């Protein structure tokens, strides 16, 4: 039986090196997900894979390489016995490495959801800019969709490509009541 990975465990991650688990984030199916991903699940159901936020201490060659990684649980595994012994020896020889890792701050993580819009007149542009301000209060995707319907913005979604890109931004994997909270939005005109 595979041993559960916990915060503080030393692990291998998607990127090469030796990492320490800092955060484990539960993921839930939500309205922003593609229907093919949701499948037979319901909105709010817990997804099988969690997201692991890790700090890297050593690279593949076991040299100091402090950084971070953010990946699916699918790619996380405990260190082998050989790796664990090597890590113990390195930390015994260089205890300051652990202090450096502890002091390292993972940058703010952002998740971006992109959507094309076709905006051809000033009135529609003003409506969308007002909508962008609405999102900045922190909204779920469901609240965002409802506001888009209320403001009749959904009619601006083109079949293929638009002349503007609307980006919804989730900051630091914030989730409330099993839904991501989108705290920022940007509207940019495409060239």
C-alpha atoms as a PDB file:
ATOM      1  CA  UNK A   1       0.000   0.000   0.000  1.00  0.00           C
ATOM      2  CA  UNK A   2       1.345   3.399  -1.009  1.00  0.00           C
ATOM      3  CA  UNK A   3       2.135   5.700   1.933  1.00  0.00           C
ATOM      4  CA  UNK A   4       0.176   8.966   1.894  1.00  0.00           C
ATOM      5  CA  UNK A   5       2.194  12.085   1.157  1.00  0.00           C
ATOM      6  CA  UNK A   6       1.832  14.874   3.717  1.00  0.00           C
ATOM      7  CA  UNK A   7       2.979  18.473   4.158  1.00  0.00           C
ATOM      8  CA  UNK A   8       6.658  18.468   5.144  1.00  0.00           C
ATOM      9  CA  UNK A   9       7.481  15.235   3.296  1.00  0.00           C
ATOM     10  CA  UNK A  10      10.495  15.129   0.979  1.00  0.00           C
ATOM     11  CA  UNK A  11       9.417  14.074  -2.512  1.00  0.00           C
ATOM     12  CA  UNK A  12      10.168  13.797  -6.200  1.00  0.00           C
ATOM     13  CA  UNK A  13       8.017  16.076  -8.331  1.00  0.00           C
ATOM     14  CA  UNK A  14       7.275  16.647 -12.016  1.00  0.00           C
ATOM     15  CA  UNK A  15      10.462  18.714 -12.261  1.00  0.00           C
ATOM     16  CA  UNK A  16      13.732  16.988 -11.426  1.00  0.00           C
ATOM     17  CA  UNK A  17      15.276  17.343  -7.975  1.00  0.00           C
ATOM     18  CA  UNK A  18      14.367  16.918  -4.332  1.00  0.00           C
ATOM     19  CA  UNK A  19      11.356  18.854  -3.060  1.00  0.00           C
ATOM     20  CA  UNK A  20       9.521  19.407   0.220  1.00  0.00           C
ATOM     21  CA  UNK A  21       5.718  19.536   0.247  1.00  0.00           C
ATOM     22  CA  UNK A  22       4.469  22.945   1.426  1.00  0.00           C
ATOM     23  CA  UNK A  23       0.765  22.900   0.515  1.00  0.00           C
ATOM     24  CA  UNK A  24      -1.751  20.352  -0.707  1.00  0.00           C
ATOM     25  CA  UNK A  25      -4.771  21.769  -2.495  1.00  0.00           C
ATOM     26  CA  UNK A  26      -7.985  19.824  -3.006  1.00  0.00           C
ATOM     27  CA  UNK A  27      -9.490  20.366  -6.455  1.00  0.00           C
ATOM     28  CA  UNK A  28     -13.201  20.348  -7.253  1.00  0.00           C
ATOM     29  CA  UNK A  29     -15.159  20.194 -10.494  1.00  0.00           C
ATOM     30  CA  UNK A  30     -16.677  23.556 -11.326  1.00  0.00           C
ATOM     31  CA  UNK A  31     -18.460  25.473 -14.061  1.00  0.00           C
ATOM     32  CA  UNK A  32     -15.194  26.696 -15.609  1.00  0.00           C
ATOM     33  CA  UNK A  33     -14.127  23.111 -16.378  1.00  0.00           C
ATOM     34  CA  UNK A  34     -14.588  21.687 -19.846  1.00  0.00           C
ATOM     35  CA  UNK A  35     -17.613  19.331 -19.886  1.00  0.00           C
ATOM     36  CA  UNK A  36     -15.384  16.524 -21.193  1.00  0.00           C
ATOM     37  CA  UNK A  37     -13.284  16.825 -18.004  1.00  0.00           C
ATOM     38  CA  UNK A  38     -16.317  16.808 -15.714  1.00  0.00           C
ATOM     39  CA  UNK A  39     -17.800  13.696 -17.368  1.00  0.00           C
ATOM     40  CA  UNK A  40     -20.122  11.871 -14.974  1.00  0.00           C
ATOM     41  CA  UNK A  41     -19.148  14.069 -12.015  1.00  0.00           C
ATOM     42  CA  UNK A  42     -21.182  16.936 -10.586  1.00  0.00           C
ATOM     43  CA  UNK A  43     -20.118  20.502  -9.927  1.00  0.00           C
ATOM     44  CA  UNK A  44     -18.550  20.536  -6.447  1.00  0.00           C
ATOM     45  CA  UNK A  45     -17.385  16.908  -6.545  1.00  0.00           C
ATOM     46  CA  UNK A  46     -13.800  16.442  -5.362  1.00  0.00           C
ATOM     47  CA  UNK A  47     -11.350  15.579  -8.136  1.00  0.00           C
ATOM     48  CA  UNK A  48      -9.110  12.548  -7.754  1.00  0.00           C
ATOM     49  CA  UNK A  49      -5.825  14.453  -8.112  1.00  0.00           C
ATOM     50  CA  UNK A  50      -4.827  17.149  -5.679  1.00  0.00           C
ATOM     51  CA  UNK A  51      -2.360  19.936  -6.465  1.00  0.00           C
ATOM     52  CA  UNK A  52       0.947  19.908  -4.602  1.00  0.00           C
ATOM     53  CA  UNK A  53       2.919  23.092  -3.981  1.00  0.00           C
ATOM     54  CA  UNK A  54       6.525  22.171  -3.217  1.00  0.00           C
ATOM     55  CA  UNK A  55       9.849  23.886  -2.545  1.00  0.00           C
ATOM     56  CA  UNK A  56      12.884  22.501  -4.364  1.00  0.00           C
ATOM     57  CA  UNK A  57      16.063  22.155  -2.319  1.00  0.00           C
ATOM     58  CA  UNK A  58      18.330  20.215  -4.672  1.00  0.00           C
ATOM     59  CA  UNK A  59      18.516  19.687  -8.430  1.00  0.00           C
ATOM     60  CA  UNK A  60      19.037  16.359 -10.206  1.00  0.00           C
ATOM     61  CA  UNK A  61      22.786  16.504  -9.475  1.00  0.00           C
ATOM     62  CA  UNK A  62      22.042  17.095  -5.762  1.00  0.00           C
ATOM     63  CA  UNK A  63      23.317  20.672  -5.879  1.00  0.00           C
ATOM     64  CA  UNK A  64      21.501  23.546  -4.153  1.00  0.00           C
ATOM     65  CA  UNK A  65      18.703  24.773  -6.403  1.00  0.00           C
ATOM     66  CA  UNK A  66      16.079  26.527  -4.318  1.00  0.00           C
ATOM     67  CA  UNK A  67      12.805  27.129  -6.092  1.00  0.00           C
ATOM     68  CA  UNK A  68       9.280  25.782  -6.235  1.00  0.00           C
ATOM     69  CA  UNK A  69       6.961  23.574  -8.250  1.00  0.00           C
ATOM     70  CA  UNK A  70       3.212  23.300  -8.603  1.00  0.00           C
ATOM     71  CA  UNK A  71       1.922  20.019 -10.005  1.00  0.00           C
ATOM     72  CA  UNK A  72      -0.635  17.260  -9.939  1.00  0.00           C
ATOM     73  CA  UNK A  73      -0.471  14.577  -7.285  1.00  0.00           C
ATOM     74  CA  UNK A  74      -0.033  12.119 -10.160  1.00  0.00           C
ATOM     75  CA  UNK A  75       3.625  13.239 -10.487  1.00  0.00           C
ATOM     76  CA  UNK A  76       4.535  13.277  -6.777  1.00  0.00           C
ATOM     77  CA  UNK A  77       6.314  10.358  -5.110  1.00  0.00           C
ATOM     78  CA  UNK A  78       8.275   9.749  -1.934  1.00  0.00           C
ATOM     79  CA  UNK A  79      12.061   9.693  -2.182  1.00  0.00           C
ATOM     80  CA  UNK A  80      13.727   6.333  -2.589  1.00  0.00           C
ATOM     81  CA  UNK A  81      15.793   5.000   0.318  1.00  0.00           C
ATOM     82  CA  UNK A  82      18.960   5.991  -1.569  1.00  0.00           C
ATOM     83  CA  UNK A  83      17.687   9.544  -2.159  1.00  0.00           C
ATOM     84  CA  UNK A  84      16.641   9.853   1.490  1.00  0.00           C
ATOM     85  CA  UNK A  85      20.108   8.789   2.666  1.00  0.00           C
ATOM     86  CA  UNK A  86      21.789  11.221   0.234  1.00  0.00           C
ATOM     87  CA  UNK A  87      19.540  14.054   1.460  1.00  0.00           C
ATOM     88  CA  UNK A  88      20.306  13.251   5.102  1.00  0.00           C
ATOM     89  CA  UNK A  89      24.050  13.320   4.373  1.00  0.00           C
ATOM     90  CA  UNK A  90      23.827  16.633   2.498  1.00  0.00           C
ATOM     91  CA  UNK A  91      21.772  18.264   5.279  1.00  0.00           C
ATOM     92  CA  UNK A  92      24.196  16.951   7.932  1.00  0.00           C
ATOM     93  CA  UNK A  93      27.123  18.502   6.001  1.00  0.00           C
ATOM     94  CA  UNK A  94      25.278  21.771   5.165  1.00  0.00           C
ATOM     95  CA  UNK A  95      22.556  22.530   7.750  1.00  0.00           C
ATOM     96  CA  UNK A  96      22.265  26.107   6.412  1.00  0.00           C
ATOM     97  CA  UNK A  97      20.575  24.684   3.298  1.00  0.00           C
ATOM     98  CA  UNK A  98      17.465  23.904   5.301  1.00  0.00           C
ATOM     99  CA  UNK A  99      17.407  27.445   6.718  1.00  0.00           C
ATOM    100  CA  UNK A 100      17.674  28.851   3.178  1.00  0.00           C
ATOM    101  CA  UNK A 101      14.798  26.641   2.053  1.00  0.00           C
ATOM    102  CA  UNK A 102      12.680  27.673   5.035  1.00  0.00           C
ATOM    103  CA  UNK A 103      13.336  31.361   4.282  1.00  0.00           C
ATOM    104  CA  UNK A 104      12.475  31.023   0.580  1.00  0.00           C
ATOM    105  CA  UNK A 105       9.084  32.516  -0.242  1.00  0.00           C
ATOM    106  CA  UNK A 106       7.081  30.882  -3.024  1.00  0.00           C
ATOM    107  CA  UNK A 107       5.815  33.632  -5.353  1.00  0.00           C
ATOM    108  CA  UNK A 108       2.096  34.290  -5.608  1.00  0.00           C
ATOM    109  CA  UNK A 109       0.543  31.628  -7.804  1.00  0.00           C
ATOM    110  CA  UNK A 110      -1.941  32.683 -10.465  1.00  0.00           C
ATOM    111  CA  UNK A 111      -4.385  30.660 -12.514  1.00  0.00           C
ATOM    112  CA  UNK A 112      -5.693  32.318 -15.657  1.00  0.00           C
ATOM    113  CA  UNK A 113      -8.890  31.536 -17.543  1.00  0.00           C
ATOM    114  CA  UNK A 114      -8.916  33.040 -21.057  1.00  0.00           C
ATOM    115  CA  UNK A 115     -11.960  33.911 -23.120  1.00  0.00           C
ATOM    116  CA  UNK A 116     -12.177  35.666 -26.477  1.00  0.00           C
ATOM    117  CA  UNK A 117     -14.675  38.479 -27.017  1.00  0.00           C
ATOM    118  CA  UNK A 118     -15.672  40.323 -30.180  1.00  0.00           C
ATOM    119  CA  UNK A 119     -16.215  43.961 -29.162  1.00  0.00           C
ATOM    120  CA  UNK A 120     -17.046  46.287 -32.034  1.00  0.00           C
ATOM    121  CA  UNK A 121     -18.549  49.369 -30.403  1.00  0.00           C
ATOM    122  CA  UNK A 122     -17.831  51.724 -27.524  1.00  0.00           C
ATOM    123  CA  UNK A 123     -21.005  50.884 -25.571  1.00  0.00           C
ATOM    124  CA  UNK A 124     -20.120  47.167 -25.460  1.00  0.00           C
ATOM    125  CA  UNK A 125     -16.568  48.035 -24.443  1.00  0.00           C
ATOM    126  CA  UNK A 126     -17.845  50.148 -21.532  1.00  0.00           C
ATOM    127  CA  UNK A 127     -20.140  47.312 -20.396  1.00  0.00           C
ATOM    128  CA  UNK A 128     -17.256  44.821 -20.431  1.00  0.00           C
ATOM    129  CA  UNK A 129     -14.974  47.224 -18.536  1.00  0.00           C
ATOM    130  CA  UNK A 130     -17.687  47.582 -15.856  1.00  0.00           C
ATOM    131  CA  UNK A 131     -17.904  43.792 -15.750  1.00  0.00           C
ATOM    132  CA  UNK A 132     -14.103  43.585 -15.210  1.00  0.00           C
ATOM    133  CA  UNK A 133     -14.487  45.792 -12.116  1.00  0.00           C
ATOM    134  CA  UNK A 134     -17.300  43.514 -10.851  1.00  0.00           C
ATOM    135  CA  UNK A 135     -14.923  40.516 -10.905  1.00  0.00           C
ATOM    136  CA  UNK A 136     -12.280  42.317  -8.845  1.00  0.00           C
ATOM    137  CA  UNK A 137     -14.503  41.941  -5.769  1.00  0.00           C
ATOM    138  CA  UNK A 138     -13.844  38.193  -5.850  1.00  0.00           C
ATOM    139  CA  UNK A 139     -16.401  36.061  -7.682  1.00  0.00           C
ATOM    140  CA  UNK A 140     -17.009  32.410  -8.486  1.00  0.00           C
ATOM    141  CA  UNK A 141     -17.258  31.325 -12.109  1.00  0.00           C
ATOM    142  CA  UNK A 142     -21.005  30.817 -11.603  1.00  0.00           C
ATOM    143  CA  UNK A 143     -21.412  34.421 -10.386  1.00  0.00           C
ATOM    144  CA  UNK A 144     -19.330  35.616 -13.335  1.00  0.00           C
ATOM    145  CA  UNK A 145     -21.493  33.682 -15.813  1.00  0.00           C
ATOM    146  CA  UNK A 146     -24.686  35.048 -14.268  1.00  0.00           C
ATOM    147  CA  UNK A 147     -23.368  38.621 -14.511  1.00  0.00           C
ATOM    148  CA  UNK A 148     -22.341  38.012 -18.129  1.00  0.00           C
ATOM    149  CA  UNK A 149     -25.910  36.904 -18.869  1.00  0.00           C
ATOM    150  CA  UNK A 150     -27.383  39.881 -17.020  1.00  0.00           C
ATOM    151  CA  UNK A 151     -25.167  42.329 -18.934  1.00  0.00           C
ATOM    152  CA  UNK A 152     -25.708  40.405 -22.216  1.00  0.00           C
ATOM    153  CA  UNK A 153     -21.957  39.898 -22.638  1.00  0.00           C
ATOM    154  CA  UNK A 154     -22.304  36.266 -23.755  1.00  0.00           C
ATOM    155  CA  UNK A 155     -23.430  37.512 -27.182  1.00  0.00           C
ATOM    156  CA  UNK A 156     -19.904  38.940 -27.569  1.00  0.00           C
ATOM    157  CA  UNK A 157     -18.308  35.480 -27.386  1.00  0.00           C
ATOM    158  CA  UNK A 158     -17.275  34.600 -30.942  1.00  0.00           C
ATOM    159  CA  UNK A 159     -17.447  31.128 -32.430  1.00  0.00           C
ATOM    160  CA  UNK A 160     -13.680  31.084 -32.988  1.00  0.00           C
ATOM    161  CA  UNK A 161     -11.508  34.156 -32.344  1.00  0.00           C
ATOM    162  CA  UNK A 162     -12.331  37.625 -31.099  1.00  0.00           C
ATOM    163  CA  UNK A 163     -10.591  40.980 -31.153  1.00  0.00           C
ATOM    164  CA  UNK A 164     -10.284  41.123 -27.330  1.00  0.00           C
ATOM    165  CA  UNK A 165      -9.082  38.659 -24.711  1.00  0.00           C
ATOM    166  CA  UNK A 166     -10.742  38.568 -21.310  1.00  0.00           C
ATOM    167  CA  UNK A 167      -8.613  36.964 -18.614  1.00  0.00           C
ATOM    168  CA  UNK A 168     -10.007  35.872 -15.256  1.00  0.00           C
ATOM    169  CA  UNK A 169      -7.309  35.546 -12.592  1.00  0.00           C
ATOM    170  CA  UNK A 170      -7.346  33.324  -9.507  1.00  0.00           C
ATOM    171  CA  UNK A 171      -4.705  34.310  -6.965  1.00  0.00           C
ATOM    172  CA  UNK A 172      -2.880  31.713  -4.868  1.00  0.00           C
ATOM    173  CA  UNK A 173      -5.383  28.902  -5.539  1.00  0.00           C
ATOM    174  CA  UNK A 174      -8.107  30.611  -3.466  1.00  0.00           C
ATOM    175  CA  UNK A 175     -11.145  28.345  -3.098  1.00  0.00           C
ATOM    176  CA  UNK A 176     -14.333  29.058  -1.145  1.00  0.00           C
ATOM    177  CA  UNK A 177     -17.131  26.487  -0.830  1.00  0.00           C
ATOM    178  CA  UNK A 178     -15.416  24.167  -3.346  1.00  0.00           C
ATOM    179  CA  UNK A 179     -15.179  26.884  -6.025  1.00  0.00           C
ATOM    180  CA  UNK A 180     -12.242  28.940  -7.260  1.00  0.00           C
ATOM    181  CA  UNK A 181     -12.483  32.636  -6.515  1.00  0.00           C
ATOM    182  CA  UNK A 182     -11.505  34.901  -9.397  1.00  0.00           C
ATOM    183  CA  UNK A 183     -10.083  38.091  -7.847  1.00  0.00           C
ATOM    184  CA  UNK A 184      -8.865  39.933 -10.895  1.00  0.00           C
ATOM    185  CA  UNK A 185      -9.638  40.331 -14.579  1.00  0.00           C
ATOM    186  CA  UNK A 186      -7.920  41.919 -17.549  1.00  0.00           C
ATOM    187  CA  UNK A 187      -9.300  42.923 -20.910  1.00  0.00           C
ATOM    188  CA  UNK A 188      -6.716  43.333 -23.666  1.00  0.00           C
ATOM    189  CA  UNK A 189      -7.147  44.209 -27.321  1.00  0.00           C
ATOM    190  CA  UNK A 190      -5.504  41.764 -29.670  1.00  0.00           C
ATOM    191  CA  UNK A 191      -3.194  43.019 -32.407  1.00  0.00           C
END
